[in-house]
C-alpha atoms as a PDB file:
ATOM      1  CA  MET A   1     -12.793   3.592  30.489  1.00  0.00           C
ATOM      2  CA  THR A   2     -14.028   4.658  27.053  1.00  0.00           C
ATOM      3  CA  LEU A   3     -11.612   7.594  26.696  1.00  0.00           C
ATOM      4  CA  PRO A   4      -8.593   5.562  25.489  1.00  0.00           C
ATOM      5  CA  GLY A   5     -10.781   3.921  22.857  1.00  0.00           C
ATOM      6  CA  LEU A   6     -12.004   7.268  21.608  1.00  0.00           C
ATOM      7  CA  ARG A   7      -8.468   8.619  21.523  1.00  0.00           C
ATOM      8  CA  GLU A   8      -7.226   5.644  19.522  1.00  0.00           C
ATOM      9  CA  ARG A   9     -10.069   5.972  17.044  1.00  0.00           C
ATOM     10  CA  LYS A  10      -9.261   9.649  16.561  1.00  0.00           C
ATOM     11  CA  LYS A  11      -5.616   8.793  15.917  1.00  0.00           C
ATOM     12  CA  GLN A  12      -6.659   6.139  13.414  1.00  0.00           C
ATOM     13  CA  ARG A  13      -8.918   8.601  11.587  1.00  0.00           C
ATOM     14  CA  THR A  14      -6.080  11.117  11.371  1.00  0.00           C
ATOM     15  CA  ARG A  15      -3.679   8.492  10.055  1.00  0.00           C
ATOM     16  CA  ASP A  16      -6.200   7.248   7.503  1.00  0.00           C
ATOM     17  CA  ALA A  17      -6.898  10.817   6.355  1.00  0.00           C
ATOM     18  CA  LEU A  18      -3.173  11.458   5.851  1.00  0.00           C
ATOM     19  CA  ILE A  19      -2.871   8.286   3.770  1.00  0.00           C
ATOM     20  CA  ARG A  20      -5.921   9.037   1.648  1.00  0.00           C
ATOM     21  CA  VAL A  21      -4.985  12.659   0.954  1.00  0.00           C
ATOM     22  CA  ALA A  22      -1.339  11.801   0.285  1.00  0.00           C
ATOM     23  CA  LEU A  23      -2.265   9.093  -2.226  1.00  0.00           C
ATOM     24  CA  GLU A  24      -4.773  11.392  -3.918  1.00  0.00           C
ATOM     25  CA  LEU A  25      -2.123  14.094  -4.306  1.00  0.00           C
ATOM     26  CA  PHE A  26       0.538  11.624  -5.424  1.00  0.00           C
ATOM     27  CA  THR A  27      -1.697  10.149  -8.125  1.00  0.00           C
ATOM     28  CA  ASP A  28      -3.128  13.514  -9.247  1.00  0.00           C
ATOM     29  CA  GLN A  29       0.037  15.598  -9.495  1.00  0.00           C
ATOM     30  CA  GLY A  30       2.909  13.154  -9.077  1.00  0.00           C
ATOM     31  CA  TYR A  31       4.880  11.826  -6.143  1.00  0.00           C
ATOM     32  CA  GLU A  32       7.940  14.030  -6.612  1.00  0.00           C
ATOM     33  CA  ARG A  33       5.863  17.194  -6.999  1.00  0.00           C
ATOM     34  CA  THR A  34       3.861  16.634  -3.824  1.00  0.00           C
ATOM     35  CA  THR A  35       5.197  18.056  -0.558  1.00  0.00           C
ATOM     36  CA  VAL A  36       4.477  17.147   3.033  1.00  0.00           C
ATOM     37  CA  ASP A  37       3.258  20.724   3.487  1.00  0.00           C
ATOM     38  CA  GLU A  38       0.534  20.148   0.886  1.00  0.00           C
ATOM     39  CA  ILE A  39      -0.553  16.921   2.566  1.00  0.00           C
ATOM     40  CA  VAL A  40      -0.835  18.384   6.058  1.00  0.00           C
ATOM     41  CA  GLU A  41      -2.539  21.523   4.780  1.00  0.00           C
ATOM     42  CA  ALA A  42      -5.222  19.438   3.074  1.00  0.00           C
ATOM     43  CA  VAL A  43      -5.812  17.395   6.239  1.00  0.00           C
ATOM     44  CA  GLU A  44      -5.539  20.491   8.438  1.00  0.00           C
ATOM     45  CA  VAL A  45      -2.873  19.118  10.746  1.00  0.00           C
ATOM     46  CA  SER A  46       0.715  20.107  11.462  1.00  0.00           C
ATOM     47  CA  GLN A  47       3.920  18.675  10.046  1.00  0.00           C
ATOM     48  CA  ARG A  48       4.645  17.442  13.541  1.00  0.00           C
ATOM     49  CA  THR A  49       1.443  15.387  13.404  1.00  0.00           C
ATOM     50  CA  PHE A  50       2.406  13.938  10.011  1.00  0.00           C
ATOM     51  CA  PHE A  51       5.808  12.805  11.275  1.00  0.00           C
ATOM     52  CA  ARG A  52       4.191  11.305  14.341  1.00  0.00           C
ATOM     53  CA  TYR A  53       2.609   8.735  12.007  1.00  0.00           C
ATOM     54  CA  PHE A  54       5.057   8.529   9.101  1.00  0.00           C
ATOM     55  CA  SER A  55       8.804   9.032   8.804  1.00  0.00           C
ATOM     56  CA  SER A  56       8.608  10.242   5.193  1.00  0.00           C
ATOM     57  CA  LYS A  57       6.508  10.594   2.031  1.00  0.00           C
ATOM     58  CA  GLU A  58       7.876   7.229   1.005  1.00  0.00           C
ATOM     59  CA  GLU A  59       6.385   5.510   4.034  1.00  0.00           C
ATOM     60  CA  VAL A  60       2.930   6.974   3.485  1.00  0.00           C
ATOM     61  CA  ALA A  61       3.070   6.004  -0.209  1.00  0.00           C
ATOM     62  CA  PHE A  62       3.424   2.329   0.779  1.00  0.00           C
ATOM     63  CA  ALA A  63       1.124   2.413   3.813  1.00  0.00           C
ATOM     64  CA  VAL A  64      -1.771   0.486   2.252  1.00  0.00           C
ATOM     65  CA  GLN A  65       0.544  -2.007   0.565  1.00  0.00           C
ATOM     66  CA  GLN A  66       2.232  -2.553   3.935  1.00  0.00           C
ATOM     67  CA  MET A  67      -1.144  -3.311   5.489  1.00  0.00           C
ATOM     68  CA  VAL A  68      -1.915  -5.870   2.761  1.00  0.00           C
ATOM     69  CA  GLU A  69       1.490  -7.542   3.162  1.00  0.00           C
ATOM     70  CA  GLU A  70       1.183  -7.757   6.944  1.00  0.00           C
ATOM     71  CA  ARG A  71      -2.239  -9.384   6.566  1.00  0.00           C
ATOM     72  CA  PHE A  72      -0.742 -11.983   4.219  1.00  0.00           C
ATOM     73  CA  VAL A  73       2.209 -12.749   6.513  1.00  0.00           C
ATOM     74  CA  ARG A  74      -0.128 -13.315   9.467  1.00  0.00           C
ATOM     75  CA  SER A  75      -2.345 -15.545   7.347  1.00  0.00           C
ATOM     76  CA  LEU A  76       0.632 -17.616   6.158  1.00  0.00           C
ATOM     77  CA  ALA A  77       1.934 -18.113   9.695  1.00  0.00           C
ATOM     78  CA  GLN A  78      -1.498 -19.449  10.707  1.00  0.00           C
ATOM     79  CA  ARG A  79      -1.929 -21.981   7.892  1.00  0.00           C
ATOM     80  CA  PRO A  80      -2.330 -25.647   8.963  1.00  0.00           C
ATOM     81  CA  PRO A  81       1.050 -27.402   9.248  1.00  0.00           C
ATOM     82  CA  ASP A  82      -0.012 -30.256   6.965  1.00  0.00           C
ATOM     83  CA  GLU A  83      -0.342 -27.948   3.924  1.00  0.00           C
ATOM     84  CA  SER A  84       2.501 -28.073   1.440  1.00  0.00           C
ATOM     85  CA  PRO A  85       4.554 -24.861   1.040  1.00  0.00           C
ATOM     86  CA  LEU A  86       2.872 -23.872  -2.218  1.00  0.00           C
ATOM     87  CA  ASP A  87      -0.602 -24.729  -0.921  1.00  0.00           C
ATOM     88  CA  ALA A  88       0.045 -22.689   2.229  1.00  0.00           C
ATOM     89  CA  LEU A  89       1.160 -19.689   0.151  1.00  0.00           C
ATOM     90  CA  ARG A  90      -1.814 -20.025  -2.186  1.00  0.00           C
ATOM     91  CA  ASN A  91      -4.383 -20.418   0.576  1.00  0.00           C
ATOM     92  CA  ALA A  92      -2.853 -17.604   2.618  1.00  0.00           C
ATOM     93  CA  VAL A  93      -3.040 -15.081  -0.194  1.00  0.00           C
ATOM     94  CA  LEU A  94      -6.585 -16.090  -1.182  1.00  0.00           C
ATOM     95  CA  SER A  95      -7.847 -15.947   2.391  1.00  0.00           C
ATOM     96  CA  SER A  96      -6.181 -12.548   2.745  1.00  0.00           C
ATOM     97  CA  TRP A  97      -8.072 -11.247  -0.274  1.00  0.00           C
ATOM     98  CA  ASP A  98     -11.267 -12.604   1.275  1.00  0.00           C
ATOM     99  CA  THR A  99     -10.847 -10.302   4.275  1.00  0.00           C
ATOM    100  CA  ILE A 100      -8.645  -7.402   3.170  1.00  0.00           C
ATOM    101  CA  GLY A 101     -11.246  -5.599   1.077  1.00  0.00           C
ATOM    102  CA  GLU A 102     -13.001  -4.051   4.025  1.00  0.00           C
ATOM    103  CA  ALA A 103      -9.687  -3.007   5.569  1.00  0.00           C
ATOM    104  CA  ILE A 104      -8.548  -1.304   2.348  1.00  0.00           C
ATOM    105  CA  THR A 105     -11.810   0.481   1.663  1.00  0.00           C
ATOM    106  CA  ALA A 106     -11.903   1.743   5.241  1.00  0.00           C
ATOM    107  CA  VAL A 107      -8.795   3.782   4.360  1.00  0.00           C
ATOM    108  CA  VAL A 108      -8.938   4.434   0.604  1.00  0.00           C
ATOM    109  CA  PRO A 109     -11.266   3.638  -2.320  1.00  0.00           C
ATOM    110  CA  VAL A 110     -10.248   0.616  -4.374  1.00  0.00           C
ATOM    111  CA  GLY A 111      -9.734   2.848  -7.426  1.00  0.00           C
ATOM    112  CA  LEU A 112      -7.207   4.928  -5.512  1.00  0.00           C
ATOM    113  CA  TYR A 113      -5.440   1.775  -4.348  1.00  0.00           C
ATOM    114  CA  LEU A 114      -5.096   0.704  -7.986  1.00  0.00           C
ATOM    115  CA  ARG A 115      -3.882   4.125  -9.128  1.00  0.00           C
ATOM    116  CA  THR A 116      -1.256   4.042  -6.393  1.00  0.00           C
ATOM    117  CA  PHE A 117      -0.048   0.660  -7.650  1.00  0.00           C
ATOM    118  CA  GLN A 118       0.277   2.135 -11.139  1.00  0.00           C
ATOM    119  CA  LEU A 119       2.025   5.221  -9.726  1.00  0.00           C
ATOM    120  CA  ILE A 120       4.629   3.045  -8.015  1.00  0.00           C
ATOM    121  CA  GLU A 121       5.267   1.149 -11.250  1.00  0.00           C
ATOM    122  CA  SER A 122       5.788   4.393 -13.197  1.00  0.00           C
ATOM    123  CA  THR A 123       7.802   6.415 -10.663  1.00  0.00           C
ATOM    124  CA  PRO A 124      11.519   5.452 -10.622  1.00  0.00           C
ATOM    125  CA  ALA A 125      12.073   6.504  -7.000  1.00  0.00           C
ATOM    126  CA  LEU A 126       9.072   4.504  -5.794  1.00  0.00           C
ATOM    127  CA  LEU A 127       9.790   1.538  -8.051  1.00  0.00           C
ATOM    128  CA  ALA A 128      13.272   1.234  -6.561  1.00  0.00           C
ATOM    129  CA  VAL A 129      11.768   1.201  -3.072  1.00  0.00           C
ATOM    130  CA  HIS A 130       9.131  -1.302  -4.188  1.00  0.00           C
ATOM    131  CA  LEU A 131      11.782  -3.699  -5.517  1.00  0.00           C
ATOM    132  CA  ARG A 132      13.777  -3.415  -2.292  1.00  0.00           C
ATOM    133  CA  ARG A 133      10.668  -4.016  -0.180  1.00  0.00           C
ATOM    134  CA  SER A 134       9.697  -6.986  -2.363  1.00  0.00           C
ATOM    135  CA  THR A 135      13.109  -8.571  -1.810  1.00  0.00           C
ATOM    136  CA  GLU A 136      12.794  -8.082   1.929  1.00  0.00           C
ATOM    137  CA  MET A 137       9.273  -9.513   1.926  1.00  0.00           C
ATOM    138  CA  GLU A 138      10.378 -12.580  -0.047  1.00  0.00           C
ATOM    139  CA  GLU A 139      13.064 -13.238   2.547  1.00  0.00           C
ATOM    140  CA  THR A 140      10.523 -12.941   5.365  1.00  0.00           C
ATOM    141  CA  ILE A 141       8.168 -15.345   3.619  1.00  0.00           C
ATOM    142  CA  ALA A 142      10.975 -17.807   2.823  1.00  0.00           C
ATOM    143  CA  ARG A 143      11.920 -17.929   6.498  1.00  0.00           C
ATOM    144  CA  ILE A 144       8.317 -18.618   7.491  1.00  0.00           C
ATOM    145  CA  VAL A 145       8.130 -21.439   4.928  1.00  0.00           C
ATOM    146  CA  ALA A 146      11.442 -22.870   6.145  1.00  0.00           C
ATOM    147  CA  GLU A 147      10.266 -22.815   9.755  1.00  0.00           C
ATOM    148  CA  ARG A 148       6.998 -24.528   8.797  1.00  0.00           C
ATOM    149  CA  GLU A 149       8.921 -27.278   6.999  1.00  0.00           C
ATOM    150  CA  GLY A 150      11.637 -27.633   9.647  1.00  0.00           C
ATOM    151  CA  VAL A 151      14.526 -26.804   7.320  1.00  0.00           C
ATOM    152  CA  ASP A 152      17.421 -24.337   7.474  1.00  0.00           C
ATOM    153  CA  VAL A 153      16.678 -21.527   5.020  1.00  0.00           C
ATOM    154  CA  ASP A 154      20.391 -20.852   4.546  1.00  0.00           C
ATOM    155  CA  ALA A 155      21.276 -24.485   3.852  1.00  0.00           C
ATOM    156  CA  ASP A 156      18.192 -25.595   1.903  1.00  0.00           C
ATOM    157  CA  PRO A 157      17.400 -23.555  -1.257  1.00  0.00           C
ATOM    158  CA  ARG A 158      13.805 -24.793  -1.584  1.00  0.00           C
ATOM    159  CA  PRO A 159      12.079 -22.161   0.589  1.00  0.00           C
ATOM    160  CA  ARG A 160      13.570 -19.276  -1.396  1.00  0.00           C
ATOM    161  CA  ILE A 161      12.909 -21.035  -4.708  1.00  0.00           C
ATOM    162  CA  VAL A 162       9.217 -21.690  -4.016  1.00  0.00           C
ATOM    163  CA  VAL A 163       8.763 -18.136  -2.727  1.00  0.00           C
ATOM    164  CA  ALA A 164      10.479 -16.727  -5.821  1.00  0.00           C
ATOM    165  CA  ALA A 165       8.078 -18.666  -8.067  1.00  0.00           C
ATOM    166  CA  PHE A 166       5.081 -17.580  -5.993  1.00  0.00           C
ATOM    167  CA  SER A 167       6.196 -13.928  -6.008  1.00  0.00           C
ATOM    168  CA  GLY A 168       6.625 -14.026  -9.774  1.00  0.00           C
ATOM    169  CA  VAL A 169       3.029 -15.170 -10.184  1.00  0.00           C
ATOM    170  CA  MET A 170       1.851 -12.409  -7.853  1.00  0.00           C
ATOM    171  CA  ARG A 171       3.720  -9.754  -9.862  1.00  0.00           C
ATOM    172  CA  VAL A 172       2.162 -10.957 -13.113  1.00  0.00           C
ATOM    173  CA  THR A 173      -1.259 -11.036 -11.455  1.00  0.00           C
ATOM    174  CA  GLY A 174      -0.920  -7.429 -10.315  1.00  0.00           C
ATOM    175  CA  GLN A 175       0.184  -6.291 -13.757  1.00  0.00           C
ATOM    176  CA  MET A 176      -2.667  -8.074 -15.539  1.00  0.00           C
ATOM    177  CA  TRP A 177      -5.219  -6.791 -13.023  1.00  0.00           C
ATOM    178  CA  GLY A 178      -4.009  -3.244 -13.565  1.00  0.00           C
ATOM    179  CA  ARG A 179      -4.458  -3.593 -17.331  1.00  0.00           C
ATOM    180  CA  GLY A 180      -7.881  -5.223 -17.169  1.00  0.00           C
ATOM    181  CA  ALA A 181     -11.326  -3.702 -17.445  1.00  0.00           C
ATOM    182  CA  ASP A 182     -12.514  -5.084 -14.094  1.00  0.00           C
ATOM    183  CA  GLN A 183     -10.382  -3.517 -11.391  1.00  0.00           C
ATOM    184  CA  SER A 184     -12.346  -4.655  -8.367  1.00  0.00           C
ATOM    185  CA  LEU A 185     -10.918  -6.545  -5.419  1.00  0.00           C
ATOM    186  CA  GLU A 186     -13.059  -9.519  -6.458  1.00  0.00           C
ATOM    187  CA  ALA A 187     -11.343  -9.449  -9.833  1.00  0.00           C
ATOM    188  CA  ILE A 188      -7.823  -9.499  -8.427  1.00  0.00           C
ATOM    189  CA  ARG A 189      -8.738 -12.347  -6.094  1.00  0.00           C
ATOM    190  CA  ALA A 190     -10.153 -14.388  -8.992  1.00  0.00           C
ATOM    191  CA  LEU A 191      -7.132 -13.591 -11.154  1.00  0.00           C
ATOM    192  CA  THR A 192      -4.778 -14.535  -8.330  1.00  0.00           C
ATOM    193  CA  GLU A 193      -6.471 -17.911  -7.972  1.00  0.00           C
ATOM    194  CA  GLN A 194      -6.451 -18.495 -11.730  1.00  0.00           C
ATOM    195  CA  TYR A 195      -2.774 -17.646 -12.159  1.00  0.00           C
ATOM    196  CA  LEU A 196      -1.672 -19.679  -9.142  1.00  0.00           C
ATOM    197  CA  ASP A 197      -3.581 -22.639 -10.601  1.00  0.00           C
ATOM    198  CA  HIS A 198      -1.374 -22.309 -13.689  1.00  0.00           C
ATOM    199  CA  LEU A 199       1.887 -22.411 -11.742  1.00  0.00           C
ATOM    200  CA  GLY A 200       2.116 -26.205 -11.712  1.00  0.00           C
ATOM    201  CA  PRO A 201       1.279 -26.644 -15.419  1.00  0.00           C
ATOM    202  CA  ALA A 202       3.711 -23.838 -16.326  1.00  0.00           C
ATOM    203  CA  LEU A 203       6.521 -25.817 -14.677  1.00  0.00           C
ATOM    204  CA  ALA A 204       5.614 -29.056 -16.484  1.00  0.00           C
ATOM    205  CA  PRO A 205       8.312 -30.316 -18.870  1.00  0.00           C
ATOM    206  CA  HIS A 206       6.137 -30.247 -22.014  1.00  0.00           C
ATOM    207  CA  TRP A 207       3.447 -27.612 -22.593  1.00  0.00           C
ATOM    208  CA  ARG A 208       2.223 -29.039 -25.896  1.00  0.00           C
ATOM    209  CA  ASP A 209       1.112 -32.352 -24.446  1.00  0.00           C
ATOM    210  CA  PRO A 210      -2.691 -32.169 -23.835  1.00  0.00           C
ATOM    211  CA  GLY A 211      -2.260 -34.534 -20.909  1.00  0.00           C
ATOM    212  CA  ARG A 212      -0.037 -32.111 -19.024  1.00  0.00           C
ATOM    213  CA  GLY A 213      -2.328 -29.473 -17.570  1.00  0.00           C
ATOM    214  CA  ARG A 214      -4.573 -26.725 -18.794  1.00  0.00           C
ATOM    215  CA  CYS A 215      -2.042 -24.779 -20.785  1.00  0.00           C
ATOM    216  CA  GLY A 216      -1.820 -27.533 -23.370  1.00  0.00           C
ATOM    217  CA  GLU A 217      -5.439 -28.620 -23.548  1.00  0.00           C
ATOM    218  CA  GLY A 218      -6.759 -28.961 -27.049  1.00  0.00           C
ATOM    219  CA  ARG A 219      -3.451 -28.130 -28.699  1.00  0.00           C
ATOM    220  CA  PRO A 220      -2.187 -30.617 -31.287  1.00  0.00           C
ATOM    221  CA  ARG A 221       1.371 -31.809 -30.876  1.00  0.00           C
ATOM    222  CA  PRO A 222       3.723 -30.831 -33.669  1.00  0.00           C
ATOM    223  CA  PRO A 223       4.561 -33.649 -36.077  1.00  0.00           C
ATOM    224  CA  GLY A 224       7.667 -35.606 -35.174  1.00  0.00           C
ATOM    225  CA  PRO A 225      10.427 -36.608 -37.568  1.00  0.00           C
ATOM    226  CA  VAL A 226       9.545 -39.141 -40.219  1.00  0.00           C
ATOM    227  CA  ARG A 227      11.366 -42.388 -39.491  1.00  0.00           C
ATOM    228  CA  PRO A 228      12.161 -44.940 -42.180  1.00  0.00           C
END
């Protein structure tokens, strides 16, 4: 009875080792310059074993990101139905960060996860794939939001609009996290929460009014025209 469990754990260890070694090679010497042969040689497995787990270098490059995205999608689908769309998105991503750390570090160190994010941003071939995957993910999320709200995603623009705004905040969060001094998972979770809290005030009609959210607090309004 224990044999299948042992076999599955061995498969998982092999898959994790392929991911870790591939990402190390990609970030050390470049994605384009790294071959599948180098990856399998470092892990001491065959090419056949590599392609049993991954269809290409591209797939292994996004393996950890895929895991993070799948965790978020599951979390969103499980949010209470009485939460508004934006609250559901916010709470889903924050709860995902509360639990994803252990899953990431079981495969790769956090520092390597960050370096991979930076590699994707700086490698044209990977950036193109990232943008395509982001578009596909936004569509998946928009359909989940539409189903939660009982609307037709193709007739009602609101699900795609709210997801586009949310995704924009997440992109900015990732960029700012990558540039910051604290590159821990705790830091990206805190930054995610902070930036999502600014989404409402950023959409307010007047930023300079101290009564309209945090962005305008303490800022004097410019003088108006002098009237006779």
